[in-house]
């Protein structure tokens, strides 16, 4: 796990290391997280991006559309983050990396059968 607080540091890390997943806030100390999305795309990042942001839903949707235009698979969660939803996103990353299907959704978030059973 690598933790950074600025766009510049995030861009440097994305360019120099390999990550399976990046969690990203849209508002960093020195700029907009969309700058990091551009660097992620430029580095040919093959993982997933999860935006966790206090910005409104329209801004998170705009970031998702921008990411898709760059070829990035992006999910987003509002702050304060729902840890159960974050766990589901992260668990599903492992499934999709292995080529396994994700079969359920929970509040628009894809969930596997184990998560659904746990909820009931």
PDB file of N, CA and C in Angstrom:
ATOM      1  N   UNK A   1       0.842  -1.162   0.000  1.00  0.00           N
ATOM      2  CA  UNK A   1       0.000   0.000   0.000  1.00  0.00           C
ATOM      3  C   UNK A   1       0.893   1.232   0.000  1.00  0.00           C
ATOM      4  N   UNK A   2       0.511   2.187  -0.810  1.00  0.00           N
ATOM      5  CA  UNK A   2       1.222   3.454  -0.891  1.00  0.00           C
ATOM      6  C   UNK A   2       0.220   4.570  -0.627  1.00  0.00           C
ATOM      7  N   UNK A   3       0.550   5.491   0.246  1.00  0.00           N
ATOM      8  CA  UNK A   3      -0.333   6.611   0.575  1.00  0.00           C
ATOM      9  C   UNK A   3       0.379   7.909   0.217  1.00  0.00           C
ATOM     10  N   UNK A   4      -0.324   8.769  -0.519  1.00  0.00           N
ATOM     11  CA  UNK A   4       0.204  10.090  -0.855  1.00  0.00           C
ATOM     12  C   UNK A   4      -0.896  11.123  -0.619  1.00  0.00           C
ATOM     13  N   UNK A   5      -0.510  12.394  -0.507  1.00  0.00           N
ATOM     14  CA  UNK A   5      -1.484  13.451  -0.226  1.00  0.00           C
ATOM     15  C   UNK A   5      -1.603  14.481  -1.340  1.00  0.00           C
ATOM     16  N   UNK A   6      -0.737  14.393  -2.354  1.00  0.00           N
ATOM     17  CA  UNK A   6      -0.742  15.413  -3.403  1.00  0.00           C
ATOM     18  C   UNK A   6      -0.843  14.783  -4.781  1.00  0.00           C
ATOM     19  N   UNK A   7      -1.291  15.598  -5.739  1.00  0.00           N
ATOM     20  CA  UNK A   7      -1.341  15.144  -7.133  1.00  0.00           C
ATOM     21  C   UNK A   7       0.050  14.780  -7.625  1.00  0.00           C
ATOM     22  N   UNK A   8       1.021  15.642  -7.352  1.00  0.00           N
ATOM     23  CA  UNK A   8       2.382  15.386  -7.826  1.00  0.00           C
ATOM     24  C   UNK A   8       2.921  14.060  -7.312  1.00  0.00           C
ATOM     25  N   UNK A   9       2.707  13.781  -6.023  1.00  0.00           N
ATOM     26  CA  UNK A   9       3.184  12.513  -5.461  1.00  0.00           C
ATOM     27  C   UNK A   9       2.430  11.329  -6.061  1.00  0.00           C
ATOM     28  N   UNK A  10       1.120  11.484  -6.247  1.00  0.00           N
ATOM     29  CA  UNK A  10       0.323  10.399  -6.828  1.00  0.00           C
ATOM     30  C   UNK A  10       0.779  10.105  -8.254  1.00  0.00           C
ATOM     31  N   UNK A  11       0.995  11.143  -9.029  1.00  0.00           N
ATOM     32  CA  UNK A  11       1.441  10.968 -10.415  1.00  0.00           C
ATOM     33  C   UNK A  11       2.804  10.280 -10.449  1.00  0.00           C
ATOM     34  N   UNK A  12       3.715  10.707  -9.584  1.00  0.00           N
ATOM     35  CA  UNK A  12       5.039  10.070  -9.527  1.00  0.00           C
ATOM     36  C   UNK A  12       4.913   8.582  -9.195  1.00  0.00           C
ATOM     37  N   UNK A  13       4.105   8.246  -8.202  1.00  0.00           N
ATOM     38  CA  UNK A  13       3.954   6.844  -7.796  1.00  0.00           C
ATOM     39  C   UNK A  13       3.328   6.004  -8.902  1.00  0.00           C
ATOM     40  N   UNK A  14       2.304   6.536  -9.555  1.00  0.00           N
ATOM     41  CA  UNK A  14       1.641   5.793 -10.637  1.00  0.00           C
ATOM     42  C   UNK A  14       2.605   5.537 -11.790  1.00  0.00           C
ATOM     43  N   UNK A  15       3.477   6.478 -12.049  1.00  0.00           N
ATOM     44  CA  UNK A  15       4.447   6.315 -13.140  1.00  0.00           C
ATOM     45  C   UNK A  15       5.561   5.330 -12.792  1.00  0.00           C
ATOM     46  N   UNK A  16       5.867   5.190 -11.491  1.00  0.00           N
ATOM     47  CA  UNK A  16       7.029   4.399 -11.092  1.00  0.00           C
ATOM     48  C   UNK A  16       6.725   3.052 -10.458  1.00  0.00           C
ATOM     49  N   UNK A  17       5.472   2.783 -10.139  1.00  0.00           N
ATOM     50  CA  UNK A  17       5.119   1.520  -9.491  1.00  0.00           C
ATOM     51  C   UNK A  17       3.938   0.877 -10.198  1.00  0.00           C
ATOM     52  N   UNK A  18       3.759  -0.407  -9.935  1.00  0.00           N
ATOM     53  CA  UNK A  18       2.615  -1.137 -10.483  1.00  0.00           C
ATOM     54  C   UNK A  18       1.598  -1.326  -9.368  1.00  0.00           C
ATOM     55  N   UNK A  19       0.348  -0.965  -9.647  1.00  0.00           N
ATOM     56  CA  UNK A  19      -0.731  -1.102  -8.673  1.00  0.00           C
ATOM     57  C   UNK A  19      -1.867  -1.914  -9.277  1.00  0.00           C
ATOM     58  N   UNK A  20      -2.564  -2.675  -8.446  1.00  0.00           N
ATOM     59  CA  UNK A  20      -3.769  -3.379  -8.882  1.00  0.00           C
ATOM     60  C   UNK A  20      -4.981  -2.467  -8.788  1.00  0.00           C
ATOM     61  N   UNK A  21      -4.945  -1.560  -7.838  1.00  0.00           N
ATOM     62  CA  UNK A  21      -6.066  -0.654  -7.604  1.00  0.00           C
ATOM     63  C   UNK A  21      -5.535   0.667  -7.053  1.00  0.00           C
ATOM     64  N   UNK A  22      -6.186   1.745  -7.451  1.00  0.00           N
ATOM     65  CA  UNK A  22      -5.865   3.066  -6.920  1.00  0.00           C
ATOM     66  C   UNK A  22      -7.141   3.640  -6.321  1.00  0.00           C
ATOM     67  N   UNK A  23      -7.072   4.088  -5.064  1.00  0.00           N
ATOM     68  CA  UNK A  23      -8.166   4.871  -4.493  1.00  0.00           C
ATOM     69  C   UNK A  23      -7.736   6.327  -4.550  1.00  0.00           C
ATOM     70  N   UNK A  24      -8.663   7.175  -4.933  1.00  0.00           N
ATOM     71  CA  UNK A  24      -8.303   8.553  -5.254  1.00  0.00           C
ATOM     72  C   UNK A  24      -9.383   9.513  -4.791  1.00  0.00           C
ATOM     73  N   UNK A  25      -8.979  10.592  -4.160  1.00  0.00           N
ATOM     74  CA  UNK A  25      -9.889  11.692  -3.855  1.00  0.00           C
ATOM     75  C   UNK A  25      -9.794  12.675  -5.019  1.00  0.00           C
ATOM     76  N   UNK A  26     -10.871  13.362  -5.311  1.00  0.00           N
ATOM     77  CA  UNK A  26     -10.841  14.334  -6.404  1.00  0.00           C
ATOM     78  C   UNK A  26     -10.219  15.661  -5.986  1.00  0.00           C
ATOM     79  N   UNK A  27     -10.159  15.925  -4.683  1.00  0.00           N
ATOM     80  CA  UNK A  27      -9.559  17.167  -4.200  1.00  0.00           C
ATOM     81  C   UNK A  27      -8.330  16.836  -3.376  1.00  0.00           C
ATOM     82  N   UNK A  28      -7.173  17.087  -3.962  1.00  0.00           N
ATOM     83  CA  UNK A  28      -5.908  16.857  -3.276  1.00  0.00           C
ATOM     84  C   UNK A  28      -5.280  18.205  -2.925  1.00  0.00           C
ATOM     85  N   UNK A  29      -4.262  18.167  -2.095  1.00  0.00           N
ATOM     86  CA  UNK A  29      -3.645  19.405  -1.598  1.00  0.00           C
ATOM     87  C   UNK A  29      -3.205  20.353  -2.708  1.00  0.00           C
ATOM     88  N   UNK A  30      -2.687  19.795  -3.792  1.00  0.00           N
ATOM     89  CA  UNK A  30      -2.105  20.645  -4.827  1.00  0.00           C
ATOM     90  C   UNK A  30      -2.842  20.595  -6.157  1.00  0.00           C
ATOM     91  N   UNK A  31      -4.058  20.067  -6.175  1.00  0.00           N
ATOM     92  CA  UNK A  31      -4.766  20.056  -7.443  1.00  0.00           C
ATOM     93  C   UNK A  31      -5.962  19.133  -7.474  1.00  0.00           C
ATOM     94  N   UNK A  32      -6.405  18.904  -8.685  1.00  0.00           N
ATOM     95  CA  UNK A  32      -7.600  18.125  -8.964  1.00  0.00           C
ATOM     96  C   UNK A  32      -7.215  16.679  -9.263  1.00  0.00           C
ATOM     97  N   UNK A  33      -7.939  15.743  -8.689  1.00  0.00           N
ATOM     98  CA  UNK A  33      -7.658  14.328  -8.912  1.00  0.00           C
ATOM     99  C   UNK A  33      -7.768  13.906 -10.365  1.00  0.00           C
ATOM    100  N   UNK A  34      -8.457  14.708 -11.203  1.00  0.00           N
ATOM    101  CA  UNK A  34      -8.534  14.341 -12.618  1.00  0.00           C
ATOM    102  C   UNK A  34      -7.162  14.421 -13.285  1.00  0.00           C
ATOM    103  N   UNK A  35      -6.262  15.229 -12.730  1.00  0.00           N
ATOM    104  CA  UNK A  35      -4.883  15.255 -13.236  1.00  0.00           C
ATOM    105  C   UNK A  35      -4.226  13.891 -13.017  1.00  0.00           C
ATOM    106  N   UNK A  36      -4.549  13.277 -11.896  1.00  0.00           N
ATOM    107  CA  UNK A  36      -4.013  11.947 -11.594  1.00  0.00           C
ATOM    108  C   UNK A  36      -4.630  10.922 -12.540  1.00  0.00           C
ATOM    109  N   UNK A  37      -5.923  11.065 -12.848  1.00  0.00           N
ATOM    110  CA  UNK A  37      -6.562  10.145 -13.799  1.00  0.00           C
ATOM    111  C   UNK A  37      -5.849  10.188 -15.151  1.00  0.00           C
ATOM    112  N   UNK A  38      -5.500  11.375 -15.607  1.00  0.00           N
ATOM    113  CA  UNK A  38      -4.782  11.511 -16.888  1.00  0.00           C
ATOM    114  C   UNK A  38      -3.432  10.804 -16.811  1.00  0.00           C
ATOM    115  N   UNK A  39      -2.712  10.971 -15.715  1.00  0.00           N
ATOM    116  CA  UNK A  39      -1.416  10.299 -15.548  1.00  0.00           C
ATOM    117  C   UNK A  39      -1.596   8.786 -15.487  1.00  0.00           C
ATOM    118  N   UNK A  40      -2.666   8.333 -14.848  1.00  0.00           N
ATOM    119  CA  UNK A  40      -2.951   6.894 -14.791  1.00  0.00           C
ATOM    120  C   UNK A  40      -3.149   6.354 -16.198  1.00  0.00           C
ATOM    121  N   UNK A  41      -3.927   7.066 -17.000  1.00  0.00           N
ATOM    122  CA  UNK A  41      -4.158   6.629 -18.385  1.00  0.00           C
ATOM    123  C   UNK A  41      -2.864   6.650 -19.189  1.00  0.00           C
ATOM    124  N   UNK A  42      -2.068   7.695 -19.018  1.00  0.00           N
ATOM    125  CA  UNK A  42      -0.806   7.809 -19.754  1.00  0.00           C
ATOM    126  C   UNK A  42       0.174   6.698 -19.390  1.00  0.00           C
ATOM    127  N   UNK A  43       0.068   6.188 -18.160  1.00  0.00           N
ATOM    128  CA  UNK A  43       0.984   5.130 -17.720  1.00  0.00           C
ATOM    129  C   UNK A  43       0.501   3.737 -18.121  1.00  0.00           C
ATOM    130  N   UNK A  44      -0.625   3.686 -18.830  1.00  0.00           N
ATOM    131  CA  UNK A  44      -1.219   2.411 -19.281  1.00  0.00           C
ATOM    132  C   UNK A  44      -1.576   1.505 -18.110  1.00  0.00           C
ATOM    133  N   UNK A  45      -2.042   2.115 -17.067  1.00  0.00           N
ATOM    134  CA  UNK A  45      -2.501   1.418 -15.871  1.00  0.00           C
ATOM    135  C   UNK A  45      -3.616   0.453 -16.254  1.00  0.00           C
ATOM    136  N   UNK A  46      -3.503  -0.799 -15.820  1.00  0.00           N
ATOM    137  CA  UNK A  46      -4.487  -1.821 -16.184  1.00  0.00           C
ATOM    138  C   UNK A  46      -5.416  -2.190 -15.035  1.00  0.00           C
ATOM    139  N   UNK A  47      -5.268  -1.556 -13.893  1.00  0.00           N
ATOM    140  CA  UNK A  47      -6.093  -1.882 -12.737  1.00  0.00           C
ATOM    141  C   UNK A  47      -7.368  -1.065 -12.695  1.00  0.00           C
ATOM    142  N   UNK A  48      -7.957  -1.022 -11.524  1.00  0.00           N
ATOM    143  CA  UNK A  48      -9.185  -0.264 -11.310  1.00  0.00           C
ATOM    144  C   UNK A  48      -8.911   0.951 -10.439  1.00  0.00           C
ATOM    145  N   UNK A  49      -9.781   1.932 -10.585  1.00  0.00           N
ATOM    146  CA  UNK A  49      -9.689   3.146  -9.788  1.00  0.00           C
ATOM    147  C   UNK A  49     -11.001   3.305  -9.022  1.00  0.00           C
ATOM    148  N   UNK A  50     -10.875   3.586  -7.734  1.00  0.00           N
ATOM    149  CA  UNK A  50     -12.038   3.886  -6.904  1.00  0.00           C
ATOM    150  C   UNK A  50     -11.873   5.311  -6.400  1.00  0.00           C
ATOM    151  N   UNK A  51     -12.780   6.181  -6.818  1.00  0.00           N
ATOM    152  CA  UNK A  51     -12.781   7.556  -6.336  1.00  0.00           C
ATOM    153  C   UNK A  51     -13.627   7.601  -5.072  1.00  0.00           C
ATOM    154  N   UNK A  52     -13.051   8.136  -4.014  1.00  0.00           N
ATOM    155  CA  UNK A  52     -13.761   8.366  -2.754  1.00  0.00           C
ATOM    156  C   UNK A  52     -13.691   9.865  -2.524  1.00  0.00           C
ATOM    157  N   UNK A  53     -14.835  10.533  -2.677  1.00  0.00           N
ATOM    158  CA  UNK A  53     -14.802  11.992  -2.680  1.00  0.00           C
ATOM    159  C   UNK A  53     -16.003  12.599  -1.968  1.00  0.00           C
ATOM    160  N   UNK A  54     -15.773  13.737  -1.358  1.00  0.00           N
ATOM    161  CA  UNK A  54     -16.839  14.510  -0.749  1.00  0.00           C
ATOM    162  C   UNK A  54     -17.533  15.424  -1.748  1.00  0.00           C
ATOM    163  N   UNK A  55     -17.074  15.406  -2.994  1.00  0.00           N
ATOM    164  CA  UNK A  55     -17.702  16.219  -4.036  1.00  0.00           C
ATOM    165  C   UNK A  55     -19.105  15.677  -4.294  1.00  0.00           C
ATOM    166  N   UNK A  56     -19.956  16.496  -4.889  1.00  0.00           N
ATOM    167  CA  UNK A  56     -21.327  16.062  -5.137  1.00  0.00           C
ATOM    168  C   UNK A  56     -21.379  14.972  -6.207  1.00  0.00           C
ATOM    169  N   UNK A  57     -22.542  14.325  -6.308  1.00  0.00           N
ATOM    170  CA  UNK A  57     -22.704  13.199  -7.230  1.00  0.00           C
ATOM    171  C   UNK A  57     -22.416  13.600  -8.672  1.00  0.00           C
ATOM    172  N   UNK A  58     -22.829  14.803  -9.067  1.00  0.00           N
ATOM    173  CA  UNK A  58     -22.588  15.248 -10.445  1.00  0.00           C
ATOM    174  C   UNK A  58     -21.092  15.304 -10.749  1.00  0.00           C
ATOM    175  N   UNK A  59     -20.302  15.762  -9.804  1.00  0.00           N
ATOM    176  CA  UNK A  59     -18.840  15.846 -10.007  1.00  0.00           C
ATOM    177  C   UNK A  59     -18.222  14.458 -10.076  1.00  0.00           C
ATOM    178  N   UNK A  60     -18.717  13.534  -9.231  1.00  0.00           N
ATOM    179  CA  UNK A  60     -18.199  12.162  -9.271  1.00  0.00           C
ATOM    180  C   UNK A  60     -18.579  11.479 -10.580  1.00  0.00           C
ATOM    181  N   UNK A  61     -19.797  11.739 -11.069  1.00  0.00           N
ATOM    182  CA  UNK A  61     -20.224  11.171 -12.353  1.00  0.00           C
ATOM    183  C   UNK A  61     -19.367  11.739 -13.481  1.00  0.00           C
ATOM    184  N   UNK A  62     -19.101  13.035 -13.445  1.00  0.00           N
ATOM    185  CA  UNK A  62     -18.241  13.653 -14.467  1.00  0.00           C
ATOM    186  C   UNK A  62     -16.853  13.023 -14.455  1.00  0.00           C
ATOM    187  N   UNK A  63     -16.319  12.751 -13.267  1.00  0.00           N
ATOM    188  CA  UNK A  63     -15.004  12.101 -13.168  1.00  0.00           C
ATOM    189  C   UNK A  63     -15.064  10.696 -13.750  1.00  0.00           C
ATOM    190  N   UNK A  64     -16.155   9.968 -13.495  1.00  0.00           N
ATOM    191  CA  UNK A  64     -16.297   8.615 -14.041  1.00  0.00           C
ATOM    192  C   UNK A  64     -16.348   8.651 -15.567  1.00  0.00           C
ATOM    193  N   UNK A  65     -17.104   9.595 -16.124  1.00  0.00           N
ATOM    194  CA  UNK A  65     -17.189   9.713 -17.582  1.00  0.00           C
ATOM    195  C   UNK A  65     -15.838  10.092 -18.181  1.00  0.00           C
ATOM    196  N   UNK A  66     -15.131  10.996 -17.525  1.00  0.00           N
ATOM    197  CA  UNK A  66     -13.795  11.381 -17.984  1.00  0.00           C
ATOM    198  C   UNK A  66     -12.860  10.176 -17.948  1.00  0.00           C
ATOM    199  N   UNK A  67     -12.903   9.431 -16.849  1.00  0.00           N
ATOM    200  CA  UNK A  67     -12.047   8.241 -16.728  1.00  0.00           C
ATOM    201  C   UNK A  67     -12.357   7.246 -17.837  1.00  0.00           C
ATOM    202  N   UNK A  68     -13.631   7.020 -18.097  1.00  0.00           N
ATOM    203  CA  UNK A  68     -14.002   6.081 -19.170  1.00  0.00           C
ATOM    204  C   UNK A  68     -13.494   6.561 -20.517  1.00  0.00           C
ATOM    205  N   UNK A  69     -13.522   7.884 -20.746  1.00  0.00           N
ATOM    206  CA  UNK A  69     -13.009   8.410 -22.014  1.00  0.00           C
ATOM    207  C   UNK A  69     -11.514   8.159 -22.151  1.00  0.00           C
ATOM    208  N   UNK A  70     -10.840   7.972 -21.002  1.00  0.00           N
ATOM    209  CA  UNK A  70      -9.406   7.672 -20.992  1.00  0.00           C
ATOM    210  C   UNK A  70      -9.131   6.172 -20.976  1.00  0.00           C
ATOM    211  N   UNK A  71     -10.197   5.358 -20.930  1.00  0.00           N
ATOM    212  CA  UNK A  71     -10.031   3.910 -20.893  1.00  0.00           C
ATOM    213  C   UNK A  71      -9.819   3.349 -19.498  1.00  0.00           C
ATOM    214  N   UNK A  72     -10.219   4.096 -18.472  1.00  0.00           N
ATOM    215  CA  UNK A  72     -10.034   3.677 -17.084  1.00  0.00           C
ATOM    216  C   UNK A  72     -11.348   3.166 -16.519  1.00  0.00           C
ATOM    217  N   UNK A  73     -11.293   2.007 -15.852  1.00  0.00           N
ATOM    218  CA  UNK A  73     -12.441   1.461 -15.132  1.00  0.00           C
ATOM    219  C   UNK A  73     -12.504   2.159 -13.782  1.00  0.00           C
ATOM    220  N   UNK A  74     -13.521   2.992 -13.575  1.00  0.00           N
ATOM    221  CA  UNK A  74     -13.610   3.782 -12.350  1.00  0.00           C
ATOM    222  C   UNK A  74     -14.952   3.562 -11.665  1.00  0.00           C
ATOM    223  N   UNK A  75     -14.891   3.354 -10.370  1.00  0.00           N
ATOM    224  CA  UNK A  75     -16.066   3.320  -9.504  1.00  0.00           C
ATOM    225  C   UNK A  75     -15.944   4.518  -8.573  1.00  0.00           C
ATOM    226  N   UNK A  76     -17.068   4.973  -8.025  1.00  0.00           N
ATOM    227  CA  UNK A  76     -16.952   6.082  -7.078  1.00  0.00           C
ATOM    228  C   UNK A  76     -17.860   5.881  -5.880  1.00  0.00           C
ATOM    229  N   UNK A  77     -17.395   6.383  -4.767  1.00  0.00           N
ATOM    230  CA  UNK A  77     -18.131   6.347  -3.506  1.00  0.00           C
ATOM    231  C   UNK A  77     -18.090   7.737  -2.887  1.00  0.00           C
ATOM    232  N   UNK A  78     -19.204   8.164  -2.274  1.00  0.00           N
ATOM    233  CA  UNK A  78     -19.198   9.457  -1.592  1.00  0.00           C
ATOM    234  C   UNK A  78     -18.576   9.348  -0.207  1.00  0.00           C
ATOM    235  N   UNK A  79     -18.106  10.490   0.300  1.00  0.00           N
ATOM    236  CA  UNK A  79     -17.665  10.565   1.694  1.00  0.00           C
ATOM    237  C   UNK A  79     -18.862  10.998   2.529  1.00  0.00           C
ATOM    238  N   UNK A  80     -18.998  10.550   3.739  1.00  0.00           N
ATOM    239  CA  UNK A  80     -18.147   9.538   4.368  1.00  0.00           C
ATOM    240  C   UNK A  80     -18.364   8.193   3.686  1.00  0.00           C
ATOM    241  N   UNK A  81     -17.283   7.461   3.517  1.00  0.00           N
ATOM    242  CA  UNK A  81     -17.332   6.224   2.748  1.00  0.00           C
ATOM    243  C   UNK A  81     -18.090   5.136   3.509  1.00  0.00           C
ATOM    244  N   UNK A  82     -18.894   4.392   2.756  1.00  0.00           N
ATOM    245  CA  UNK A  82     -19.578   3.208   3.282  1.00  0.00           C
ATOM    246  C   UNK A  82     -18.571   2.063   3.176  1.00  0.00           C
ATOM    247  N   UNK A  83     -18.021   1.644   4.303  1.00  0.00           N
ATOM    248  CA  UNK A  83     -16.967   0.624   4.288  1.00  0.00           C
ATOM    249  C   UNK A  83     -17.448  -0.695   3.704  1.00  0.00           C
ATOM    250  N   UNK A  84     -18.722  -1.035   3.882  1.00  0.00           N
ATOM    251  CA  UNK A  84     -19.249  -2.269   3.292  1.00  0.00           C
ATOM    252  C   UNK A  84     -19.197  -2.188   1.769  1.00  0.00           C
ATOM    253  N   UNK A  85     -19.579  -1.045   1.209  1.00  0.00           N
ATOM    254  CA  UNK A  85     -19.526  -0.876  -0.245  1.00  0.00           C
ATOM    255  C   UNK A  85     -18.086  -0.920  -0.739  1.00  0.00           C
ATOM    256  N   UNK A  86     -17.164  -0.305  -0.004  1.00  0.00           N
ATOM    257  CA  UNK A  86     -15.751  -0.348  -0.389  1.00  0.00           C
ATOM    258  C   UNK A  86     -15.232  -1.779  -0.363  1.00  0.00           C
ATOM    259  N   UNK A  87     -15.591  -2.536   0.663  1.00  0.00           N
ATOM    260  CA  UNK A  87     -15.173  -3.945   0.725  1.00  0.00           C
ATOM    261  C   UNK A  87     -15.696  -4.724  -0.473  1.00  0.00           C
ATOM    262  N   UNK A  88     -16.937  -4.459  -0.864  1.00  0.00           N
ATOM    263  CA  UNK A  88     -17.513  -5.146  -2.023  1.00  0.00           C
ATOM    264  C   UNK A  88     -16.742  -4.782  -3.286  1.00  0.00           C
ATOM    265  N   UNK A  89     -16.472  -3.499  -3.495  1.00  0.00           N
ATOM    266  CA  UNK A  89     -15.682  -3.092  -4.659  1.00  0.00           C
ATOM    267  C   UNK A  89     -14.347  -3.832  -4.689  1.00  0.00           C
ATOM    268  N   UNK A  90     -13.660  -3.843  -3.563  1.00  0.00           N
ATOM    269  CA  UNK A  90     -12.339  -4.482  -3.512  1.00  0.00           C
ATOM    270  C   UNK A  90     -12.437  -5.988  -3.716  1.00  0.00           C
ATOM    271  N   UNK A  91     -13.432  -6.637  -3.131  1.00  0.00           N
ATOM    272  CA  UNK A  91     -13.611  -8.079  -3.324  1.00  0.00           C
ATOM    273  C   UNK A  91     -13.909  -8.395  -4.779  1.00  0.00           C
ATOM    274  N   UNK A  92     -14.712  -7.562  -5.416  1.00  0.00           N
ATOM    275  CA  UNK A  92     -15.047  -7.802  -6.815  1.00  0.00           C
ATOM    276  C   UNK A  92     -13.854  -7.594  -7.737  1.00  0.00           C
ATOM    277  N   UNK A  93     -12.916  -6.732  -7.348  1.00  0.00           N
ATOM    278  CA  UNK A  93     -11.701  -6.575  -8.150  1.00  0.00           C
ATOM    279  C   UNK A  93     -10.968  -7.899  -8.254  1.00  0.00           C
ATOM    280  N   UNK A  94     -10.882  -8.616  -7.138  1.00  0.00           N
ATOM    281  CA  UNK A  94     -10.236  -9.925  -7.150  1.00  0.00           C
ATOM    282  C   UNK A  94     -10.967 -10.904  -8.037  1.00  0.00           C
ATOM    283  N   UNK A  95     -12.284 -10.891  -7.986  1.00  0.00           N
ATOM    284  CA  UNK A  95     -13.066 -11.802  -8.824  1.00  0.00           C
ATOM    285  C   UNK A  95     -12.867 -11.499 -10.302  1.00  0.00           C
ATOM    286  N   UNK A  96     -12.971 -10.233 -10.670  1.00  0.00           N
ATOM    287  CA  UNK A  96     -12.836  -9.908 -12.082  1.00  0.00           C
ATOM    288  C   UNK A  96     -11.418 -10.160 -12.577  1.00  0.00           C
ATOM    289  N   UNK A  97     -10.428  -9.976 -11.715  1.00  0.00           N
ATOM    290  CA  UNK A  97      -9.045 -10.265 -12.109  1.00  0.00           C
ATOM    291  C   UNK A  97      -8.862 -11.748 -12.397  1.00  0.00           C
ATOM    292  N   UNK A  98      -9.622 -12.588 -11.695  1.00  0.00           N
ATOM    293  CA  UNK A  98      -9.549 -14.035 -11.912  1.00  0.00           C
ATOM    294  C   UNK A  98     -10.512 -14.512 -12.993  1.00  0.00           C
ATOM    295  N   UNK A  99     -11.295 -13.590 -13.553  1.00  0.00           N
ATOM    296  CA  UNK A  99     -12.249 -13.961 -14.585  1.00  0.00           C
ATOM    297  C   UNK A  99     -13.527 -14.574 -14.036  1.00  0.00           C
ATOM    298  N   UNK A 100     -13.782 -14.410 -12.745  1.00  0.00           N
ATOM    299  CA  UNK A 100     -14.995 -14.952 -12.138  1.00  0.00           C
ATOM    300  C   UNK A 100     -16.124 -13.938 -12.252  1.00  0.00           C
ATOM    301  N   UNK A 101     -17.364 -14.416 -12.381  1.00  0.00           N
ATOM    302  CA  UNK A 101     -18.478 -13.479 -12.524  1.00  0.00           C
ATOM    303  C   UNK A 101     -18.862 -12.833 -11.201  1.00  0.00           C
ATOM    304  N   UNK A 102     -19.382 -11.636 -11.305  1.00  0.00           N
ATOM    305  CA  UNK A 102     -20.000 -10.949 -10.178  1.00  0.00           C
ATOM    306  C   UNK A 102     -21.494 -11.079 -10.418  1.00  0.00           C
ATOM    307  N   UNK A 103     -22.219 -11.679  -9.474  1.00  0.00           N
ATOM    308  CA  UNK A 103     -23.583 -12.094  -9.787  1.00  0.00           C
ATOM    309  C   UNK A 103     -24.698 -11.286  -9.142  1.00  0.00           C
ATOM    310  N   UNK A 104     -24.431 -10.482  -8.147  1.00  0.00           N
ATOM    311  CA  UNK A 104     -25.486  -9.723  -7.484  1.00  0.00           C
ATOM    312  C   UNK A 104     -25.116  -8.250  -7.432  1.00  0.00           C
ATOM    313  N   UNK A 105     -26.125  -7.432  -7.201  1.00  0.00           N
ATOM    314  CA  UNK A 105     -25.866  -6.028  -6.914  1.00  0.00           C
ATOM    315  C   UNK A 105     -26.538  -5.658  -5.602  1.00  0.00           C
ATOM    316  N   UNK A 106     -25.986  -4.714  -4.938  1.00  0.00           N
ATOM    317  CA  UNK A 106     -26.513  -4.226  -3.666  1.00  0.00           C
ATOM    318  C   UNK A 106     -26.453  -2.714  -3.725  1.00  0.00           C
ATOM    319  N   UNK A 107     -27.585  -2.073  -3.868  1.00  0.00           N
ATOM    320  CA  UNK A 107     -27.620  -0.616  -3.974  1.00  0.00           C
ATOM    321  C   UNK A 107     -26.835  -0.103  -5.161  1.00  0.00           C
ATOM    322  N   UNK A 108     -26.837  -0.857  -6.265  1.00  0.00           N
ATOM    323  CA  UNK A 108     -26.089  -0.467  -7.444  1.00  0.00           C
ATOM    324  C   UNK A 108     -24.640  -0.905  -7.435  1.00  0.00           C
ATOM    325  N   UNK A 109     -24.205  -1.531  -6.333  1.00  0.00           N
ATOM    326  CA  UNK A 109     -22.834  -2.019  -6.213  1.00  0.00           C
ATOM    327  C   UNK A 109     -22.854  -3.517  -6.454  1.00  0.00           C
ATOM    328  N   UNK A 110     -22.016  -4.009  -7.348  1.00  0.00           N
ATOM    329  CA  UNK A 110     -21.967  -5.443  -7.610  1.00  0.00           C
ATOM    330  C   UNK A 110     -21.475  -6.178  -6.373  1.00  0.00           C
ATOM    331  N   UNK A 111     -22.155  -7.257  -6.039  1.00  0.00           N
ATOM    332  CA  UNK A 111     -21.795  -8.051  -4.857  1.00  0.00           C
ATOM    333  C   UNK A 111     -21.857  -9.522  -5.209  1.00  0.00           C
ATOM    334  N   UNK A 112     -21.033 -10.319  -4.567  1.00  0.00           N
ATOM    335  CA  UNK A 112     -21.101 -11.753  -4.817  1.00  0.00           C
ATOM    336  C   UNK A 112     -22.100 -12.394  -3.859  1.00  0.00           C
ATOM    337  N   UNK A 113     -22.351 -13.674  -4.028  1.00  0.00           N
ATOM    338  CA  UNK A 113     -23.321 -14.395  -3.217  1.00  0.00           C
ATOM    339  C   UNK A 113     -22.984 -14.416  -1.742  1.00  0.00           C
ATOM    340  N   UNK A 114     -21.721 -14.456  -1.397  1.00  0.00           N
ATOM    341  CA  UNK A 114     -21.316 -14.478   0.006  1.00  0.00           C
ATOM    342  C   UNK A 114     -21.734 -13.180   0.684  1.00  0.00           C
ATOM    343  N   UNK A 115     -21.522 -12.054   0.014  1.00  0.00           N
ATOM    344  CA  UNK A 115     -21.922 -10.770   0.593  1.00  0.00           C
ATOM    345  C   UNK A 115     -23.436 -10.703   0.748  1.00  0.00           C
ATOM    346  N   UNK A 116     -24.171 -11.207  -0.246  1.00  0.00           N
ATOM    347  CA  UNK A 116     -25.629 -11.190  -0.167  1.00  0.00           C
ATOM    348  C   UNK A 116     -26.117 -12.054   0.988  1.00  0.00           C
ATOM    349  N   UNK A 117     -25.509 -13.221   1.174  1.00  0.00           N
ATOM    350  CA  UNK A 117     -25.894 -14.113   2.268  1.00  0.00           C
ATOM    351  C   UNK A 117     -25.589 -13.453   3.612  1.00  0.00           C
ATOM    352  N   UNK A 118     -24.465 -12.775   3.694  1.00  0.00           N
ATOM    353  CA  UNK A 118     -24.063 -12.113   4.929  1.00  0.00           C
ATOM    354  C   UNK A 118     -25.052 -11.011   5.316  1.00  0.00           C
ATOM    355  N   UNK A 119     -25.610 -10.305   4.315  1.00  0.00           N
ATOM    356  CA  UNK A 119     -26.555  -9.222   4.580  1.00  0.00           C
ATOM    357  C   UNK A 119     -27.856  -9.725   5.168  1.00  0.00           C
ATOM    358  N   UNK A 120     -28.277 -10.956   4.815  1.00  0.00           N
ATOM    359  CA  UNK A 120     -29.602 -11.431   5.236  1.00  0.00           C
ATOM    360  C   UNK A 120     -29.641 -11.959   6.641  1.00  0.00           C
TER     361      UNK A 120
END
